[in-house]
Amino acid sequence: MNLLSQIIIGFIAVLHIYILWLEMFAWTTRGRKVFKSIPADQFEKTKVMAANQGLYNGFLAAGLIWSLLICDVTWSQNVALFFLSCVLVAGIYGALTASKRIFFVQAVPAILGLLSLLF
């Protein structure tokens, strides 16, 4: 895996660790400042749901980090392709169902990561 791919994958992994933290541990505090379109009274009511979403983001980060730790180049690339594809699907789905902004936060970096691996 080339250096550019590793940097992009590392960035995406860190982004998803931040999302994990935000949704699992800071939903009712920092989350209110980040997700301004959600009414303030909904944060406490959706705390468990947000934590569940955060956990999934953590799994995406774990998979991307795992891809960086695999010594076999082909296996490393295949794992990275899988998890970047998962991030891309999540970003597209989020953009269609929740906020267009999610496309730029999640899907665009995943597209860049996939392109860096494939070309």
Protein backbone atom coordinates (compact mmCIF):
# COMPACT_ATOMS: atom_id res chain seq x y z
CA MET A 1 0.00 0.00 0.00
CA ASN A 2 1.44 3.37 -0.96
CA LEU A 3 2.08 6.21 1.48
CA LEU A 4 -0.76 8.40 0.17
CA SER A 5 -3.25 5.58 0.73
CA GLN A 6 -1.93 5.04 4.25
CA ILE A 7 -2.26 8.74 5.08
CA ILE A 8 -5.83 8.92 3.74
CA ILE A 9 -6.82 5.71 5.55
CA GLY A 10 -5.24 6.98 8.77
CA PHE A 11 -7.13 10.26 8.46
CA ILE A 12 -10.44 8.46 7.89
CA ALA A 13 -9.77 6.16 10.87
CA VAL A 14 -9.09 9.14 13.13
CA LEU A 15 -12.24 10.85 11.82
CA HIS A 16 -14.29 7.80 12.72
CA ILE A 17 -12.72 7.59 16.17
CA TYR A 18 -13.81 11.21 16.65
CA ILE A 19 -17.33 10.33 15.49
CA LEU A 20 -17.33 7.38 17.92
CA TRP A 21 -16.37 9.70 20.78
CA LEU A 22 -18.90 12.32 19.75
CA GLU A 23 -21.81 9.91 19.42
CA MET A 24 -20.99 7.61 22.36
CA PHE A 25 -19.59 9.97 24.98
CA ALA A 26 -20.34 13.57 24.04
CA TRP A 27 -23.76 13.34 22.40
CA THR A 28 -25.56 15.53 24.93
CA THR A 29 -22.72 18.05 25.29
CA ARG A 30 -20.53 18.56 22.22
CA GLY A 31 -23.08 16.82 19.98
CA ARG A 32 -25.47 19.74 20.42
CA LYS A 33 -22.86 22.08 18.94
CA VAL A 34 -21.97 19.80 16.02
CA PHE A 35 -25.49 18.68 15.06
CA LYS A 36 -27.24 22.03 15.11
CA SER A 37 -30.16 20.86 12.97
CA ILE A 38 -31.33 18.47 15.73
CA PRO A 39 -33.66 20.13 18.24
CA ALA A 40 -32.02 20.46 21.68
CA ASP A 41 -34.72 18.43 23.40
CA GLN A 42 -33.91 15.40 21.22
CA PHE A 43 -30.35 14.79 22.40
CA GLU A 44 -31.22 13.11 25.68
CA LYS A 45 -33.98 11.10 24.00
CA THR A 46 -31.63 9.82 21.26
CA LYS A 47 -28.56 9.21 23.43
CA VAL A 48 -28.72 5.40 23.19
CA MET A 49 -29.34 5.47 19.43
CA ALA A 50 -26.40 7.81 18.92
CA ALA A 51 -24.16 5.58 21.03
CA ASN A 52 -25.11 2.64 18.83
CA GLN A 53 -24.15 4.63 15.74
CA GLY A 54 -20.90 5.62 17.40
CA LEU A 55 -20.07 1.98 18.02
CA TYR A 56 -20.47 1.22 14.32
CA ASN A 57 -18.16 4.11 13.47
CA GLY A 58 -15.65 2.59 15.87
CA PHE A 59 -15.82 -0.70 13.97
CA LEU A 60 -15.08 1.16 10.74
CA ALA A 61 -12.08 2.83 12.36
CA ALA A 62 -10.86 -0.51 13.75
CA GLY A 63 -11.05 -2.12 10.32
CA LEU A 64 -9.14 0.72 8.69
CA ILE A 65 -6.46 0.61 11.38
CA TRP A 66 -6.27 -3.16 10.97
CA SER A 67 -5.65 -2.69 7.23
CA LEU A 68 -2.65 -0.49 8.06
CA LEU A 69 -1.16 -3.14 10.37
CA ILE A 70 -1.31 -6.09 7.96
CA CYS A 71 2.11 -6.95 6.52
CA ASP A 72 0.91 -8.77 3.40
CA VAL A 73 0.35 -6.02 0.79
CA THR A 74 -2.48 -7.75 -1.06
CA TRP A 75 -4.35 -8.69 2.09
CA SER A 76 -3.84 -5.19 3.52
CA GLN A 77 -5.21 -3.61 0.36
CA ASN A 78 -8.22 -5.94 0.26
CA VAL A 79 -9.14 -5.18 3.88
CA ALA A 80 -8.73 -1.45 3.22
CA LEU A 81 -10.92 -1.68 0.11
CA PHE A 82 -13.65 -3.42 2.10
CA PHE A 83 -13.70 -0.94 4.98
CA LEU A 84 -13.38 2.11 2.71
CA SER A 85 -16.34 0.75 0.73
CA CYS A 86 -18.30 0.44 3.98
CA VAL A 87 -17.47 4.06 4.83
CA LEU A 88 -18.54 5.12 1.33
CA VAL A 89 -21.88 3.32 1.61
CA ALA A 90 -22.46 4.82 5.07
CA GLY A 91 -21.63 8.29 3.72
CA ILE A 92 -23.96 7.97 0.74
CA TYR A 93 -26.78 6.59 2.88
CA GLY A 94 -26.29 9.32 5.47
CA ALA A 95 -26.35 11.98 2.78
CA LEU A 96 -29.59 10.61 1.34
CA THR A 97 -31.37 10.14 4.66
CA ALA A 98 -29.94 12.61 7.17
CA SER A 99 -27.77 15.45 5.81
CA LYS A 100 -26.01 16.24 2.54
CA ARG A 101 -23.01 17.30 4.64
CA ILE A 102 -22.36 13.64 5.53
CA PHE A 103 -21.43 12.99 1.90
CA PHE A 104 -18.55 15.43 2.15
CA VAL A 105 -17.45 14.34 5.63
CA GLN A 106 -17.53 10.57 5.05
CA ALA A 107 -18.05 9.63 1.40
CA VAL A 108 -15.57 12.02 -0.24
CA PRO A 109 -12.60 10.91 1.91
CA ALA A 110 -13.58 7.26 1.27
CA ILE A 111 -13.68 7.92 -2.48
CA LEU A 112 -10.23 9.50 -2.28
CA GLY A 113 -8.95 6.51 -0.31
CA LEU A 114 -10.41 4.04 -2.79
CA LEU A 115 -8.95 5.94 -5.73
CA SER A 116 -5.53 6.08 -4.08
CA LEU A 117 -5.61 2.29 -3.63
CA LEU A 118 -6.88 1.48 -7.10
CA PHE A 119 -4.69 3.82 -9.17
